[in-house]
Amino acid sequence: MEELADKAKAYINDKRNNDEEATQEDWLDKVKNNVSDAWDDIKDKANDAWEKTKDAAEDVKAEWNKKTN
């Protein structure tokens, strides 16, 4: 939470330095977009891990079938 508060302060300071209004709505949109991007990254990595695991499981199954046939 402290990291998010620091980012909110940085957002407010950035807006102030650019003579723009910092709004809660704009801030929440930025947070939502960052969370969405993070979720997409996590989902992609989880999918890659699943595919690698699935491939490894199929390789083990093929090896087992070779040994038992």
C-alpha atoms as a PDB file:
ATOM      1  CA  MET A   1       0.000   0.000   0.000  1.00  0.00           C
ATOM      2  CA  GLU A   2       2.813   2.392   0.783  1.00  0.00           C
ATOM      3  CA  GLU A   3       4.198   1.911  -2.721  1.00  0.00           C
ATOM      4  CA  LEU A   4       0.811   2.789  -4.188  1.00  0.00           C
ATOM      5  CA  ALA A   5       0.613   5.891  -1.981  1.00  0.00           C
ATOM      6  CA  ASP A   6       4.055   6.925  -3.224  1.00  0.00           C
ATOM      7  CA  LYS A   7       2.901   6.493  -6.808  1.00  0.00           C
ATOM      8  CA  ALA A   8      -0.211   8.570  -6.077  1.00  0.00           C
ATOM      9  CA  LYS A   9       1.977  11.348  -4.678  1.00  0.00           C
ATOM     10  CA  ALA A  10       4.203  11.168  -7.753  1.00  0.00           C
ATOM     11  CA  TYR A  11       1.107  11.367  -9.986  1.00  0.00           C
ATOM     12  CA  ILE A  12      -0.135  14.447  -8.109  1.00  0.00           C
ATOM     13  CA  ASN A  13       3.290  16.106  -8.260  1.00  0.00           C
ATOM     14  CA  ASP A  14       3.615  15.320 -11.968  1.00  0.00           C
ATOM     15  CA  LYS A  15       0.220  16.873 -12.677  1.00  0.00           C
ATOM     16  CA  ARG A  16       1.084  19.918 -10.571  1.00  0.00           C
ATOM     17  CA  ASN A  17       4.428  20.350 -12.360  1.00  0.00           C
ATOM     18  CA  ASN A  18       2.603  20.296 -15.704  1.00  0.00           C
ATOM     19  CA  ASP A  19      -0.049  22.761 -14.496  1.00  0.00           C
ATOM     20  CA  GLU A  20      -2.719  20.086 -14.804  1.00  0.00           C
ATOM     21  CA  GLU A  21      -5.448  19.038 -12.404  1.00  0.00           C
ATOM     22  CA  ALA A  22      -4.902  15.769 -10.564  1.00  0.00           C
ATOM     23  CA  THR A  23      -8.210  13.959 -10.142  1.00  0.00           C
ATOM     24  CA  GLN A  24      -9.105  10.826  -8.270  1.00  0.00           C
ATOM     25  CA  GLU A  25     -10.916   9.493 -11.337  1.00  0.00           C
ATOM     26  CA  ASP A  26      -7.828   9.906 -13.528  1.00  0.00           C
ATOM     27  CA  TRP A  27      -5.654   8.324 -10.842  1.00  0.00           C
ATOM     28  CA  LEU A  28      -7.985   5.340 -10.493  1.00  0.00           C
ATOM     29  CA  ASP A  29      -7.998   4.901 -14.283  1.00  0.00           C
ATOM     30  CA  LYS A  30      -4.184   4.794 -14.239  1.00  0.00           C
ATOM     31  CA  VAL A  31      -4.228   2.216 -11.435  1.00  0.00           C
ATOM     32  CA  LYS A  32      -6.869   0.148 -13.233  1.00  0.00           C
ATOM     33  CA  ASN A  33      -4.831   0.150 -16.448  1.00  0.00           C
ATOM     34  CA  ASN A  34      -1.672  -0.856 -14.580  1.00  0.00           C
ATOM     35  CA  VAL A  35      -3.512  -3.686 -12.839  1.00  0.00           C
ATOM     36  CA  SER A  36      -4.999  -4.787 -16.142  1.00  0.00           C
ATOM     37  CA  ASP A  37      -1.553  -4.827 -17.772  1.00  0.00           C
ATOM     38  CA  ALA A  38      -0.118  -6.718 -14.808  1.00  0.00           C
ATOM     39  CA  TRP A  39      -2.956  -9.260 -14.995  1.00  0.00           C
ATOM     40  CA  ASP A  40      -2.318  -9.788 -18.711  1.00  0.00           C
ATOM     41  CA  ASP A  41       1.384 -10.391 -17.991  1.00  0.00           C
ATOM     42  CA  ILE A  42       0.575 -12.845 -15.188  1.00  0.00           C
ATOM     43  CA  LYS A  43      -1.986 -14.629 -17.358  1.00  0.00           C
ATOM     44  CA  ASP A  44       0.515 -14.948 -20.227  1.00  0.00           C
ATOM     45  CA  LYS A  45       3.213 -16.328 -17.916  1.00  0.00           C
ATOM     46  CA  ALA A  46       0.779 -18.746 -16.301  1.00  0.00           C
ATOM     47  CA  ASN A  47      -0.341 -19.929 -19.733  1.00  0.00           C
ATOM     48  CA  ASP A  48       3.281 -20.423 -20.832  1.00  0.00           C
ATOM     49  CA  ALA A  49       3.999 -22.396 -17.659  1.00  0.00           C
ATOM     50  CA  TRP A  50       0.933 -24.558 -18.276  1.00  0.00           C
ATOM     51  CA  GLU A  51       1.966 -25.275 -21.853  1.00  0.00           C
ATOM     52  CA  LYS A  52       5.528 -26.166 -20.808  1.00  0.00           C
ATOM     53  CA  THR A  53       4.213 -28.440 -18.079  1.00  0.00           C
ATOM     54  CA  LYS A  54       1.753 -30.015 -20.489  1.00  0.00           C
ATOM     55  CA  ASP A  55       4.538 -30.617 -23.028  1.00  0.00           C
ATOM     56  CA  ALA A  56       6.768 -32.119 -20.347  1.00  0.00           C
ATOM     57  CA  ALA A  57       3.963 -34.407 -19.184  1.00  0.00           C
ATOM     58  CA  GLU A  58       3.380 -35.577 -22.755  1.00  0.00           C
ATOM     59  CA  ASP A  59       7.127 -36.233 -23.157  1.00  0.00           C
ATOM     60  CA  VAL A  60       7.180 -38.327 -19.980  1.00  0.00           C
ATOM     61  CA  LYS A  61       4.109 -40.240 -21.124  1.00  0.00           C
ATOM     62  CA  ALA A  62       5.722 -40.927 -24.519  1.00  0.00           C
ATOM     63  CA  GLU A  63       8.920 -42.159 -22.837  1.00  0.00           C
ATOM     64  CA  TRP A  64       6.900 -44.368 -20.515  1.00  0.00           C
ATOM     65  CA  ASN A  65       4.999 -45.834 -23.464  1.00  0.00           C
ATOM     66  CA  LYS A  66       8.299 -46.581 -25.257  1.00  0.00           C
ATOM     67  CA  LYS A  67       9.656 -48.388 -22.210  1.00  0.00           C
ATOM     68  CA  THR A  68       6.516 -50.409 -21.566  1.00  0.00           C
ATOM     69  CA  ASN A  69       5.732 -51.408 -25.145  1.00  0.00           C
END
